[in-house]
């Protein structure tokens, strides 16, 4: 397991047994992308342990591990810079209004304490 919870993760390996521990390594609202060309059977998932707190399991177009390395290299060379604007949960209505009006650059994130 990683030292900290992850916001997202990609599995390129064709090993379905990696899916449950990868989901458990995600932070609330995190996404696990399955990018392998082939994958063995995924073991049964426990909803409360593996998917609860809005974790997402997403399959994506088949990619190789080298594709992943190439993408990360391009991202470092560009460089890609993400932008987020956080709002406390109590300001959810304000966040929605700003989103509706196009006043959020990047992603608006509700921070739940």
C-alpha atoms as a PDB file:
ATOM      1  CA  UNK A   1       0.000   0.000   0.000  1.00  0.00           C
ATOM      2  CA  UNK A   2       1.220   3.536  -0.679  1.00  0.00           C
ATOM      3  CA  UNK A   3       2.221   5.704   2.299  1.00  0.00           C
ATOM      4  CA  UNK A   4      -0.733   8.056   1.629  1.00  0.00           C
ATOM      5  CA  UNK A   5      -4.160   7.615   0.078  1.00  0.00           C
ATOM      6  CA  UNK A   6      -4.191   8.308  -3.668  1.00  0.00           C
ATOM      7  CA  UNK A   7      -6.532  10.580  -5.618  1.00  0.00           C
ATOM      8  CA  UNK A   8      -6.274   8.341  -8.662  1.00  0.00           C
ATOM      9  CA  UNK A   9      -4.450   5.315  -9.948  1.00  0.00           C
ATOM     10  CA  UNK A  10      -4.052   3.359 -13.188  1.00  0.00           C
ATOM     11  CA  UNK A  11      -3.614  -0.403 -13.461  1.00  0.00           C
ATOM     12  CA  UNK A  12      -1.857  -1.512 -16.652  1.00  0.00           C
ATOM     13  CA  UNK A  13      -1.134  -5.035 -15.395  1.00  0.00           C
ATOM     14  CA  UNK A  14      -3.511  -7.785 -16.581  1.00  0.00           C
ATOM     15  CA  UNK A  15      -4.049  -9.015 -13.010  1.00  0.00           C
ATOM     16  CA  UNK A  16      -7.596  -8.631 -11.700  1.00  0.00           C
ATOM     17  CA  UNK A  17      -6.468  -9.443  -8.147  1.00  0.00           C
ATOM     18  CA  UNK A  18      -4.837  -5.987  -8.025  1.00  0.00           C
ATOM     19  CA  UNK A  19      -8.194  -4.191  -8.254  1.00  0.00           C
ATOM     20  CA  UNK A  20      -9.451  -4.549  -4.627  1.00  0.00           C
ATOM     21  CA  UNK A  21      -6.210  -3.353  -2.977  1.00  0.00           C
ATOM     22  CA  UNK A  22      -5.899  -0.544  -5.539  1.00  0.00           C
ATOM     23  CA  UNK A  23      -9.424   0.630  -4.681  1.00  0.00           C
ATOM     24  CA  UNK A  24      -8.612   0.464  -0.974  1.00  0.00           C
ATOM     25  CA  UNK A  25      -5.570   2.702  -1.594  1.00  0.00           C
ATOM     26  CA  UNK A  26      -7.804   5.480  -2.969  1.00  0.00           C
ATOM     27  CA  UNK A  27      -8.898   8.582  -1.109  1.00  0.00           C
ATOM     28  CA  UNK A  28     -12.612   9.339  -0.929  1.00  0.00           C
ATOM     29  CA  UNK A  29     -13.830  10.275  -4.412  1.00  0.00           C
ATOM     30  CA  UNK A  30     -10.760   8.699  -6.019  1.00  0.00           C
ATOM     31  CA  UNK A  31     -10.732   6.969  -9.391  1.00  0.00           C
ATOM     32  CA  UNK A  32      -9.087   3.715 -10.393  1.00  0.00           C
ATOM     33  CA  UNK A  33      -8.643   3.326 -14.161  1.00  0.00           C
ATOM     34  CA  UNK A  34      -8.184  -0.128 -15.652  1.00  0.00           C
ATOM     35  CA  UNK A  35      -6.070   0.353 -18.763  1.00  0.00           C
ATOM     36  CA  UNK A  36      -4.873  -3.132 -19.586  1.00  0.00           C
ATOM     37  CA  UNK A  37      -5.431  -4.762 -22.937  1.00  0.00           C
ATOM     38  CA  UNK A  38      -6.470  -7.971 -21.157  1.00  0.00           C
ATOM     39  CA  UNK A  39      -7.295  -8.643 -17.506  1.00  0.00           C
ATOM     40  CA  UNK A  40      -7.943 -11.752 -15.471  1.00  0.00           C
ATOM     41  CA  UNK A  41     -11.116 -12.016 -13.422  1.00  0.00           C
ATOM     42  CA  UNK A  42     -11.594  -9.351 -10.763  1.00  0.00           C
ATOM     43  CA  UNK A  43     -12.364 -10.861  -7.344  1.00  0.00           C
ATOM     44  CA  UNK A  44     -15.606  -9.964  -5.609  1.00  0.00           C
ATOM     45  CA  UNK A  45     -15.620  -6.438  -4.252  1.00  0.00           C
ATOM     46  CA  UNK A  46     -16.863  -5.460  -0.814  1.00  0.00           C
ATOM     47  CA  UNK A  47     -18.964  -2.337  -1.339  1.00  0.00           C
ATOM     48  CA  UNK A  48     -18.264  -0.645   1.993  1.00  0.00           C
ATOM     49  CA  UNK A  49     -14.521  -1.400   1.892  1.00  0.00           C
ATOM     50  CA  UNK A  50     -13.757  -0.964  -1.820  1.00  0.00           C
ATOM     51  CA  UNK A  51     -16.280   1.430  -3.387  1.00  0.00           C
ATOM     52  CA  UNK A  52     -18.004   3.430  -0.655  1.00  0.00           C
ATOM     53  CA  UNK A  53     -17.163   7.155  -0.362  1.00  0.00           C
ATOM     54  CA  UNK A  54     -17.710   7.645  -4.096  1.00  0.00           C
ATOM     55  CA  UNK A  55     -14.676   5.748  -5.323  1.00  0.00           C
ATOM     56  CA  UNK A  56     -14.878   5.155  -9.072  1.00  0.00           C
ATOM     57  CA  UNK A  57     -13.781   2.110 -11.032  1.00  0.00           C
ATOM     58  CA  UNK A  58     -13.375   3.052 -14.712  1.00  0.00           C
ATOM     59  CA  UNK A  59     -12.236   1.024 -17.688  1.00  0.00           C
ATOM     60  CA  UNK A  60     -10.426   2.982 -20.398  1.00  0.00           C
ATOM     61  CA  UNK A  61      -9.270   2.234 -23.916  1.00  0.00           C
ATOM     62  CA  UNK A  62      -6.563  -0.402 -23.844  1.00  0.00           C
ATOM     63  CA  UNK A  63      -3.114   1.043 -23.217  1.00  0.00           C
ATOM     64  CA  UNK A  64       0.286  -0.432 -22.561  1.00  0.00           C
ATOM     65  CA  UNK A  65       2.564   0.394 -19.673  1.00  0.00           C
ATOM     66  CA  UNK A  66       4.801   2.212 -22.158  1.00  0.00           C
ATOM     67  CA  UNK A  67       1.798   4.363 -23.126  1.00  0.00           C
ATOM     68  CA  UNK A  68       1.556   5.375 -19.476  1.00  0.00           C
ATOM     69  CA  UNK A  69       5.260   6.261 -19.305  1.00  0.00           C
ATOM     70  CA  UNK A  70       4.960   8.254 -22.541  1.00  0.00           C
ATOM     71  CA  UNK A  71       1.947  10.164 -21.218  1.00  0.00           C
ATOM     72  CA  UNK A  72       3.741  11.080 -17.989  1.00  0.00           C
ATOM     73  CA  UNK A  73       6.781  12.260 -19.974  1.00  0.00           C
ATOM     74  CA  UNK A  74       4.620  14.460 -22.199  1.00  0.00           C
ATOM     75  CA  UNK A  75       2.819  15.813 -19.116  1.00  0.00           C
ATOM     76  CA  UNK A  76       6.173  16.741 -17.555  1.00  0.00           C
ATOM     77  CA  UNK A  77       7.435  18.358 -20.770  1.00  0.00           C
ATOM     78  CA  UNK A  78       4.340  20.517 -21.437  1.00  0.00           C
ATOM     79  CA  UNK A  79       4.051  20.994 -18.332  1.00  0.00           C
ATOM     80  CA  UNK A  80       0.469  20.192 -17.390  1.00  0.00           C
ATOM     81  CA  UNK A  81      -0.749  22.340 -14.511  1.00  0.00           C
ATOM     82  CA  UNK A  82      -4.022  21.498 -12.851  1.00  0.00           C
ATOM     83  CA  UNK A  83      -6.225  24.164 -11.314  1.00  0.00           C
ATOM     84  CA  UNK A  84      -8.696  23.669  -8.504  1.00  0.00           C
ATOM     85  CA  UNK A  85     -10.733  26.000  -6.389  1.00  0.00           C
ATOM     86  CA  UNK A  86     -11.836  24.607  -3.044  1.00  0.00           C
ATOM     87  CA  UNK A  87     -14.950  25.515  -1.116  1.00  0.00           C
ATOM     88  CA  UNK A  88     -16.031  24.414   2.350  1.00  0.00           C
ATOM     89  CA  UNK A  89     -19.138  22.234   2.243  1.00  0.00           C
ATOM     90  CA  UNK A  90     -21.137  25.085   3.751  1.00  0.00           C
ATOM     91  CA  UNK A  91     -20.471  27.102   0.559  1.00  0.00           C
ATOM     92  CA  UNK A  92     -21.753  24.424  -1.839  1.00  0.00           C
ATOM     93  CA  UNK A  93     -24.456  26.750  -3.204  1.00  0.00           C
ATOM     94  CA  UNK A  94     -21.848  29.439  -3.913  1.00  0.00           C
ATOM     95  CA  UNK A  95     -19.650  26.873  -5.663  1.00  0.00           C
ATOM     96  CA  UNK A  96     -22.565  25.738  -7.834  1.00  0.00           C
ATOM     97  CA  UNK A  97     -23.402  29.334  -8.727  1.00  0.00           C
ATOM     98  CA  UNK A  98     -19.783  30.082  -9.702  1.00  0.00           C
ATOM     99  CA  UNK A  99     -19.690  26.896 -11.777  1.00  0.00           C
ATOM    100  CA  UNK A 100     -22.946  27.833 -13.534  1.00  0.00           C
ATOM    101  CA  UNK A 101     -21.605  31.303 -14.321  1.00  0.00           C
ATOM    102  CA  UNK A 102     -18.282  29.964 -15.615  1.00  0.00           C
ATOM    103  CA  UNK A 103     -16.270  31.572 -12.825  1.00  0.00           C
ATOM    104  CA  UNK A 104     -14.316  28.455 -11.870  1.00  0.00           C
ATOM    105  CA  UNK A 105     -11.127  27.688 -13.769  1.00  0.00           C
ATOM    106  CA  UNK A 106     -10.372  23.973 -13.661  1.00  0.00           C
ATOM    107  CA  UNK A 107     -12.288  21.990 -11.055  1.00  0.00           C
ATOM    108  CA  UNK A 108     -14.371  23.148  -8.126  1.00  0.00           C
ATOM    109  CA  UNK A 109     -13.881  20.949  -5.082  1.00  0.00           C
ATOM    110  CA  UNK A 110     -16.075  20.779  -1.980  1.00  0.00           C
ATOM    111  CA  UNK A 111     -13.914  20.238   1.097  1.00  0.00           C
ATOM    112  CA  UNK A 112     -15.634  18.062   3.699  1.00  0.00           C
ATOM    113  CA  UNK A 113     -14.070  18.092   7.142  1.00  0.00           C
END
